[in-house]
């Protein structure tokens, strides 16, 4: 798995977690989904993604977007 795919997998997982927490506890958890979405948009424009940096240091294979 490349860094690009791992970032997308983690983002999707976090959005699903946010939706589940919002359904079960409080709609304020939707702010987590908004944060993830904004971070994905920011990363697509700037190429900077904190998770990609962490994954790179952990030795995950680079992809096309985050190398």
PDB file of N, CA and C in Angstrom:
ATOM      1  N   UNK A   1       0.846  -1.171   0.000  1.00  0.00           N
ATOM      2  CA  UNK A   1       0.000   0.000   0.000  1.00  0.00           C
ATOM      3  C   UNK A   1       0.894   1.237   0.000  1.00  0.00           C
ATOM      4  N   UNK A   2       0.534   2.202  -0.816  1.00  0.00           N
ATOM      5  CA  UNK A   2       1.304   3.440  -0.898  1.00  0.00           C
ATOM      6  C   UNK A   2       0.761   4.467   0.100  1.00  0.00           C
ATOM      7  N   UNK A   3       1.542   5.516   0.306  1.00  0.00           N
ATOM      8  CA  UNK A   3       1.125   6.595   1.200  1.00  0.00           C
ATOM      9  C   UNK A   3      -0.193   7.200   0.722  1.00  0.00           C
ATOM     10  N   UNK A   4      -0.333   7.399  -0.572  1.00  0.00           N
ATOM     11  CA  UNK A   4      -1.559   7.997  -1.119  1.00  0.00           C
ATOM     12  C   UNK A   4      -2.791   7.189  -0.735  1.00  0.00           C
ATOM     13  N   UNK A   5      -2.707   5.896  -0.931  1.00  0.00           N
ATOM     14  CA  UNK A   5      -3.853   5.033  -0.633  1.00  0.00           C
ATOM     15  C   UNK A   5      -4.104   4.956   0.866  1.00  0.00           C
ATOM     16  N   UNK A   6      -3.041   4.968   1.664  1.00  0.00           N
ATOM     17  CA  UNK A   6      -3.196   4.930   3.118  1.00  0.00           C
ATOM     18  C   UNK A   6      -3.870   6.206   3.629  1.00  0.00           C
ATOM     19  N   UNK A   7      -3.516   7.342   3.057  1.00  0.00           N
ATOM     20  CA  UNK A   7      -4.144   8.611   3.445  1.00  0.00           C
ATOM     21  C   UNK A   7      -5.630   8.584   3.115  1.00  0.00           C
ATOM     22  N   UNK A   8      -5.980   8.111   1.931  1.00  0.00           N
ATOM     23  CA  UNK A   8      -7.388   8.025   1.542  1.00  0.00           C
ATOM     24  C   UNK A   8      -8.152   7.042   2.424  1.00  0.00           C
ATOM     25  N   UNK A   9      -7.532   5.912   2.741  1.00  0.00           N
ATOM     26  CA  UNK A   9      -8.159   4.929   3.614  1.00  0.00           C
ATOM     27  C   UNK A   9      -8.407   5.522   5.002  1.00  0.00           C
ATOM     28  N   UNK A  10      -7.419   6.188   5.557  1.00  0.00           N
ATOM     29  CA  UNK A  10      -7.555   6.782   6.885  1.00  0.00           C
ATOM     30  C   UNK A  10      -8.614   7.885   6.889  1.00  0.00           C
ATOM     31  N   UNK A  11      -8.638   8.714   5.846  1.00  0.00           N
ATOM     32  CA  UNK A  11      -9.629   9.785   5.769  1.00  0.00           C
ATOM     33  C   UNK A  11     -11.039   9.209   5.702  1.00  0.00           C
ATOM     34  N   UNK A  12     -11.234   8.205   4.883  1.00  0.00           N
ATOM     35  CA  UNK A  12     -12.548   7.574   4.796  1.00  0.00           C
ATOM     36  C   UNK A  12     -12.974   6.956   6.113  1.00  0.00           C
ATOM     37  N   UNK A  13     -12.027   6.299   6.792  1.00  0.00           N
ATOM     38  CA  UNK A  13     -12.315   5.699   8.090  1.00  0.00           C
ATOM     39  C   UNK A  13     -12.712   6.761   9.110  1.00  0.00           C
ATOM     40  N   UNK A  14     -11.977   7.869   9.134  1.00  0.00           N
ATOM     41  CA  UNK A  14     -12.275   8.929  10.097  1.00  0.00           C
ATOM     42  C   UNK A  14     -13.639   9.574   9.828  1.00  0.00           C
ATOM     43  N   UNK A  15     -14.018   9.700   8.570  1.00  0.00           N
ATOM     44  CA  UNK A  15     -15.336  10.254   8.250  1.00  0.00           C
ATOM     45  C   UNK A  15     -16.431   9.303   8.719  1.00  0.00           C
ATOM     46  N   UNK A  16     -16.254   8.003   8.502  1.00  0.00           N
ATOM     47  CA  UNK A  16     -17.243   7.041   8.972  1.00  0.00           C
ATOM     48  C   UNK A  16     -17.322   7.022  10.497  1.00  0.00           C
ATOM     49  N   UNK A  17     -16.197   7.127  11.175  1.00  0.00           N
ATOM     50  CA  UNK A  17     -16.191   7.208  12.639  1.00  0.00           C
ATOM     51  C   UNK A  17     -16.939   8.459  13.090  1.00  0.00           C
ATOM     52  N   UNK A  18     -16.690   9.565  12.427  1.00  0.00           N
ATOM     53  CA  UNK A  18     -17.364  10.817  12.764  1.00  0.00           C
ATOM     54  C   UNK A  18     -18.876  10.697  12.600  1.00  0.00           C
ATOM     55  N   UNK A  19     -19.303  10.082  11.524  1.00  0.00           N
ATOM     56  CA  UNK A  19     -20.739   9.910  11.303  1.00  0.00           C
ATOM     57  C   UNK A  19     -21.358   9.011  12.365  1.00  0.00           C
ATOM     58  N   UNK A  20     -20.664   7.947  12.723  1.00  0.00           N
ATOM     59  CA  UNK A  20     -21.163   7.055  13.762  1.00  0.00           C
ATOM     60  C   UNK A  20     -21.253   7.746  15.118  1.00  0.00           C
ATOM     61  N   UNK A  21     -20.239   8.507  15.461  1.00  0.00           N
ATOM     62  CA  UNK A  21     -20.259   9.227  16.732  1.00  0.00           C
ATOM     63  C   UNK A  21     -21.337  10.306  16.750  1.00  0.00           C
ATOM     64  N   UNK A  22     -21.546  10.965  15.616  1.00  0.00           N
ATOM     65  CA  UNK A  22     -22.602  11.980  15.537  1.00  0.00           C
ATOM     66  C   UNK A  22     -23.973  11.339  15.698  1.00  0.00           C
ATOM     67  N   UNK A  23     -24.168  10.184  15.101  1.00  0.00           N
ATOM     68  CA  UNK A  23     -25.447   9.476  15.215  1.00  0.00           C
ATOM     69  C   UNK A  23     -25.684   8.995  16.643  1.00  0.00           C
ATOM     70  N   UNK A  24     -24.631   8.491  17.277  1.00  0.00           N
ATOM     71  CA  UNK A  24     -24.783   7.886  18.596  1.00  0.00           C
ATOM     72  C   UNK A  24     -24.754   8.885  19.751  1.00  0.00           C
ATOM     73  N   UNK A  25     -23.989   9.969  19.605  1.00  0.00           N
ATOM     74  CA  UNK A  25     -23.772  10.836  20.760  1.00  0.00           C
ATOM     75  C   UNK A  25     -24.177  12.290  20.547  1.00  0.00           C
ATOM     76  N   UNK A  26     -23.565  12.940  19.561  1.00  0.00           N
ATOM     77  CA  UNK A  26     -23.804  14.376  19.397  1.00  0.00           C
ATOM     78  C   UNK A  26     -23.480  14.802  17.972  1.00  0.00           C
ATOM     79  N   UNK A  27     -24.301  15.696  17.405  1.00  0.00           N
ATOM     80  CA  UNK A  27     -23.993  16.191  16.059  1.00  0.00           C
ATOM     81  C   UNK A  27     -22.693  16.993  15.991  1.00  0.00           C
ATOM     82  N   UNK A  28     -22.149  17.387  17.120  1.00  0.00           N
ATOM     83  CA  UNK A  28     -20.878  18.113  17.134  1.00  0.00           C
ATOM     84  C   UNK A  28     -19.747  17.272  16.563  1.00  0.00           C
ATOM     85  N   UNK A  29     -19.903  15.939  16.566  1.00  0.00           N
ATOM     86  CA  UNK A  29     -18.881  15.077  15.997  1.00  0.00           C
ATOM     87  C   UNK A  29     -18.751  15.260  14.484  1.00  0.00           C
ATOM     88  N   UNK A  30     -19.739  15.890  13.856  1.00  0.00           N
ATOM     89  CA  UNK A  30     -19.644  16.160  12.415  1.00  0.00           C
ATOM     90  C   UNK A  30     -18.526  17.156  12.107  1.00  0.00           C
ATOM     91  N   UNK A  31     -18.094  17.883  13.117  1.00  0.00           N
ATOM     92  CA  UNK A  31     -16.952  18.784  12.920  1.00  0.00           C
ATOM     93  C   UNK A  31     -15.689  17.997  12.573  1.00  0.00           C
ATOM     94  N   UNK A  32     -15.581  16.781  13.082  1.00  0.00           N
ATOM     95  CA  UNK A  32     -14.443  15.929  12.715  1.00  0.00           C
ATOM     96  C   UNK A  32     -14.477  15.610  11.221  1.00  0.00           C
ATOM     97  N   UNK A  33     -15.646  15.283  10.696  1.00  0.00           N
ATOM     98  CA  UNK A  33     -15.778  15.011   9.259  1.00  0.00           C
ATOM     99  C   UNK A  33     -15.438  16.256   8.444  1.00  0.00           C
ATOM    100  N   UNK A  34     -15.878  17.417   8.921  1.00  0.00           N
ATOM    101  CA  UNK A  34     -15.561  18.670   8.227  1.00  0.00           C
ATOM    102  C   UNK A  34     -14.051  18.922   8.240  1.00  0.00           C
ATOM    103  N   UNK A  35     -13.404  18.659   9.367  1.00  0.00           N
ATOM    104  CA  UNK A  35     -11.954  18.840   9.459  1.00  0.00           C
ATOM    105  C   UNK A  35     -11.224  17.922   8.481  1.00  0.00           C
ATOM    106  N   UNK A  36     -11.650  16.678   8.417  1.00  0.00           N
ATOM    107  CA  UNK A  36     -11.011  15.722   7.500  1.00  0.00           C
ATOM    108  C   UNK A  36     -11.194  16.184   6.054  1.00  0.00           C
ATOM    109  N   UNK A  37     -12.407  16.618   5.711  1.00  0.00           N
ATOM    110  CA  UNK A  37     -12.661  17.099   4.357  1.00  0.00           C
ATOM    111  C   UNK A  37     -11.823  18.320   4.010  1.00  0.00           C
ATOM    112  N   UNK A  38     -11.736  19.264   4.942  1.00  0.00           N
ATOM    113  CA  UNK A  38     -10.916  20.456   4.702  1.00  0.00           C
ATOM    114  C   UNK A  38      -9.444  20.099   4.577  1.00  0.00           C
ATOM    115  N   UNK A  39      -8.983  19.148   5.380  1.00  0.00           N
ATOM    116  CA  UNK A  39      -7.589  18.726   5.288  1.00  0.00           C
ATOM    117  C   UNK A  39      -7.306  18.058   3.945  1.00  0.00           C
ATOM    118  N   UNK A  40      -8.248  17.262   3.440  1.00  0.00           N
ATOM    119  CA  UNK A  40      -8.060  16.649   2.117  1.00  0.00           C
ATOM    120  C   UNK A  40      -7.995  17.714   1.021  1.00  0.00           C
ATOM    121  N   UNK A  41      -8.852  18.714   1.122  1.00  0.00           N
ATOM    122  CA  UNK A  41      -8.834  19.796   0.129  1.00  0.00           C
ATOM    123  C   UNK A  41      -7.519  20.573   0.198  1.00  0.00           C
ATOM    124  N   UNK A  42      -7.081  20.888   1.402  1.00  0.00           N
ATOM    125  CA  UNK A  42      -5.824  21.609   1.598  1.00  0.00           C
ATOM    126  C   UNK A  42      -4.657  20.797   1.051  1.00  0.00           C
ATOM    127  N   UNK A  43      -4.633  19.501   1.326  1.00  0.00           N
ATOM    128  CA  UNK A  43      -3.544  18.647   0.849  1.00  0.00           C
ATOM    129  C   UNK A  43      -3.524  18.562  -0.676  1.00  0.00           C
ATOM    130  N   UNK A  44      -4.694  18.573  -1.291  1.00  0.00           N
ATOM    131  CA  UNK A  44      -4.731  18.498  -2.755  1.00  0.00           C
ATOM    132  C   UNK A  44      -4.184  19.770  -3.394  1.00  0.00           C
ATOM    133  N   UNK A  45      -4.329  20.894  -2.707  1.00  0.00           N
ATOM    134  CA  UNK A  45      -3.846  22.161  -3.258  1.00  0.00           C
ATOM    135  C   UNK A  45      -2.384  22.430  -2.935  1.00  0.00           C
ATOM    136  N   UNK A  46      -1.936  22.035  -1.753  1.00  0.00           N
ATOM    137  CA  UNK A  46      -0.584  22.388  -1.319  1.00  0.00           C
ATOM    138  C   UNK A  46       0.392  21.217  -1.355  1.00  0.00           C
ATOM    139  N   UNK A  47      -0.117  19.992  -1.317  1.00  0.00           N
ATOM    140  CA  UNK A  47       0.752  18.827  -1.259  1.00  0.00           C
ATOM    141  C   UNK A  47       1.245  18.523   0.142  1.00  0.00           C
ATOM    142  N   UNK A  48       0.799  19.284   1.147  1.00  0.00           N
ATOM    143  CA  UNK A  48       1.212  19.079   2.533  1.00  0.00           C
ATOM    144  C   UNK A  48       0.144  18.295   3.276  1.00  0.00           C
ATOM    145  N   UNK A  49       0.539  17.154   3.834  1.00  0.00           N
ATOM    146  CA  UNK A  49      -0.378  16.329   4.611  1.00  0.00           C
ATOM    147  C   UNK A  49       0.386  15.751   5.806  1.00  0.00           C
ATOM    148  N   UNK A  50      -0.024  16.119   7.016  1.00  0.00           N
ATOM    149  CA  UNK A  50       0.691  15.612   8.195  1.00  0.00           C
ATOM    150  C   UNK A  50       0.725  14.080   8.265  1.00  0.00           C
ATOM    151  N   UNK A  51      -0.368  13.424   7.923  1.00  0.00           N
ATOM    152  CA  UNK A  51      -0.386  11.959   7.956  1.00  0.00           C
ATOM    153  C   UNK A  51       0.615  11.387   6.960  1.00  0.00           C
ATOM    154  N   UNK A  52       0.742  11.991   5.792  1.00  0.00           N
ATOM    155  CA  UNK A  52       1.692  11.499   4.790  1.00  0.00           C
ATOM    156  C   UNK A  52       3.120  11.592   5.318  1.00  0.00           C
ATOM    157  N   UNK A  53       3.419  12.644   6.063  1.00  0.00           N
ATOM    158  CA  UNK A  53       4.757  12.802   6.642  1.00  0.00           C
ATOM    159  C   UNK A  53       5.021  11.691   7.654  1.00  0.00           C
ATOM    160  N   UNK A  54       4.022  11.414   8.497  1.00  0.00           N
ATOM    161  CA  UNK A  54       4.163  10.360   9.503  1.00  0.00           C
ATOM    162  C   UNK A  54       4.346   8.997   8.831  1.00  0.00           C
ATOM    163  N   UNK A  55       3.529   8.720   7.811  1.00  0.00           N
ATOM    164  CA  UNK A  55       3.625   7.438   7.119  1.00  0.00           C
ATOM    165  C   UNK A  55       4.969   7.277   6.418  1.00  0.00           C
ATOM    166  N   UNK A  56       5.484   8.369   5.864  1.00  0.00           N
ATOM    167  CA  UNK A  56       6.784   8.312   5.192  1.00  0.00           C
ATOM    168  C   UNK A  56       7.884   7.965   6.194  1.00  0.00           C
ATOM    169  N   UNK A  57       7.811   8.562   7.394  1.00  0.00           N
ATOM    170  CA  UNK A  57       8.807   8.265   8.426  1.00  0.00           C
ATOM    171  C   UNK A  57       8.692   6.828   8.918  1.00  0.00           C
ATOM    172  N   UNK A  58       7.496   6.258   8.825  1.00  0.00           N
ATOM    173  CA  UNK A  58       7.290   4.871   9.234  1.00  0.00           C
ATOM    174  C   UNK A  58       7.715   3.876   8.150  1.00  0.00           C
ATOM    175  N   UNK A  59       8.100   4.399   6.981  1.00  0.00           N
ATOM    176  CA  UNK A  59       8.615   3.537   5.925  1.00  0.00           C
ATOM    177  C   UNK A  59       7.599   3.047   4.925  1.00  0.00           C
ATOM    178  N   UNK A  60       6.408   3.654   4.895  1.00  0.00           N
ATOM    179  CA  UNK A  60       5.403   3.263   3.904  1.00  0.00           C
ATOM    180  C   UNK A  60       5.877   3.728   2.530  1.00  0.00           C
ATOM    181  N   UNK A  61       5.622   2.896   1.538  1.00  0.00           N
ATOM    182  CA  UNK A  61       6.072   3.169   0.170  1.00  0.00           C
ATOM    183  C   UNK A  61       5.428   4.453  -0.362  1.00  0.00           C
ATOM    184  N   UNK A  62       6.212   5.374  -0.946  1.00  0.00           N
ATOM    185  CA  UNK A  62       5.638   6.615  -1.494  1.00  0.00           C
ATOM    186  C   UNK A  62       4.730   6.336  -2.688  1.00  0.00           C
ATOM    187  N   UNK A  63       3.810   7.279  -2.904  1.00  0.00           N
ATOM    188  CA  UNK A  63       2.906   7.180  -4.044  1.00  0.00           C
ATOM    189  C   UNK A  63       3.143   8.332  -4.994  1.00  0.00           C
ATOM    190  N   UNK A  64       2.179   8.579  -5.856  1.00  0.00           N
ATOM    191  CA  UNK A  64       2.311   9.639  -6.851  1.00  0.00           C
ATOM    192  C   UNK A  64       2.109  11.027  -6.245  1.00  0.00           C
ATOM    193  N   UNK A  65       1.180  11.151  -5.310  1.00  0.00           N
ATOM    194  CA  UNK A  65       0.867  12.462  -4.749  1.00  0.00           C
ATOM    195  C   UNK A  65       1.808  12.824  -3.605  1.00  0.00           C
ATOM    196  N   UNK A  66       2.013  11.905  -2.691  1.00  0.00           N
ATOM    197  CA  UNK A  66       2.852  12.168  -1.532  1.00  0.00           C
ATOM    198  C   UNK A  66       4.089  11.294  -1.613  1.00  0.00           C
ATOM    199  N   UNK A  67       5.211  11.902  -1.909  1.00  0.00           N
ATOM    200  CA  UNK A  67       6.423  11.117  -2.063  1.00  0.00           C
ATOM    201  C   UNK A  67       7.456  11.532  -1.162  1.00  0.00           C
TER     202      UNK A  67
END
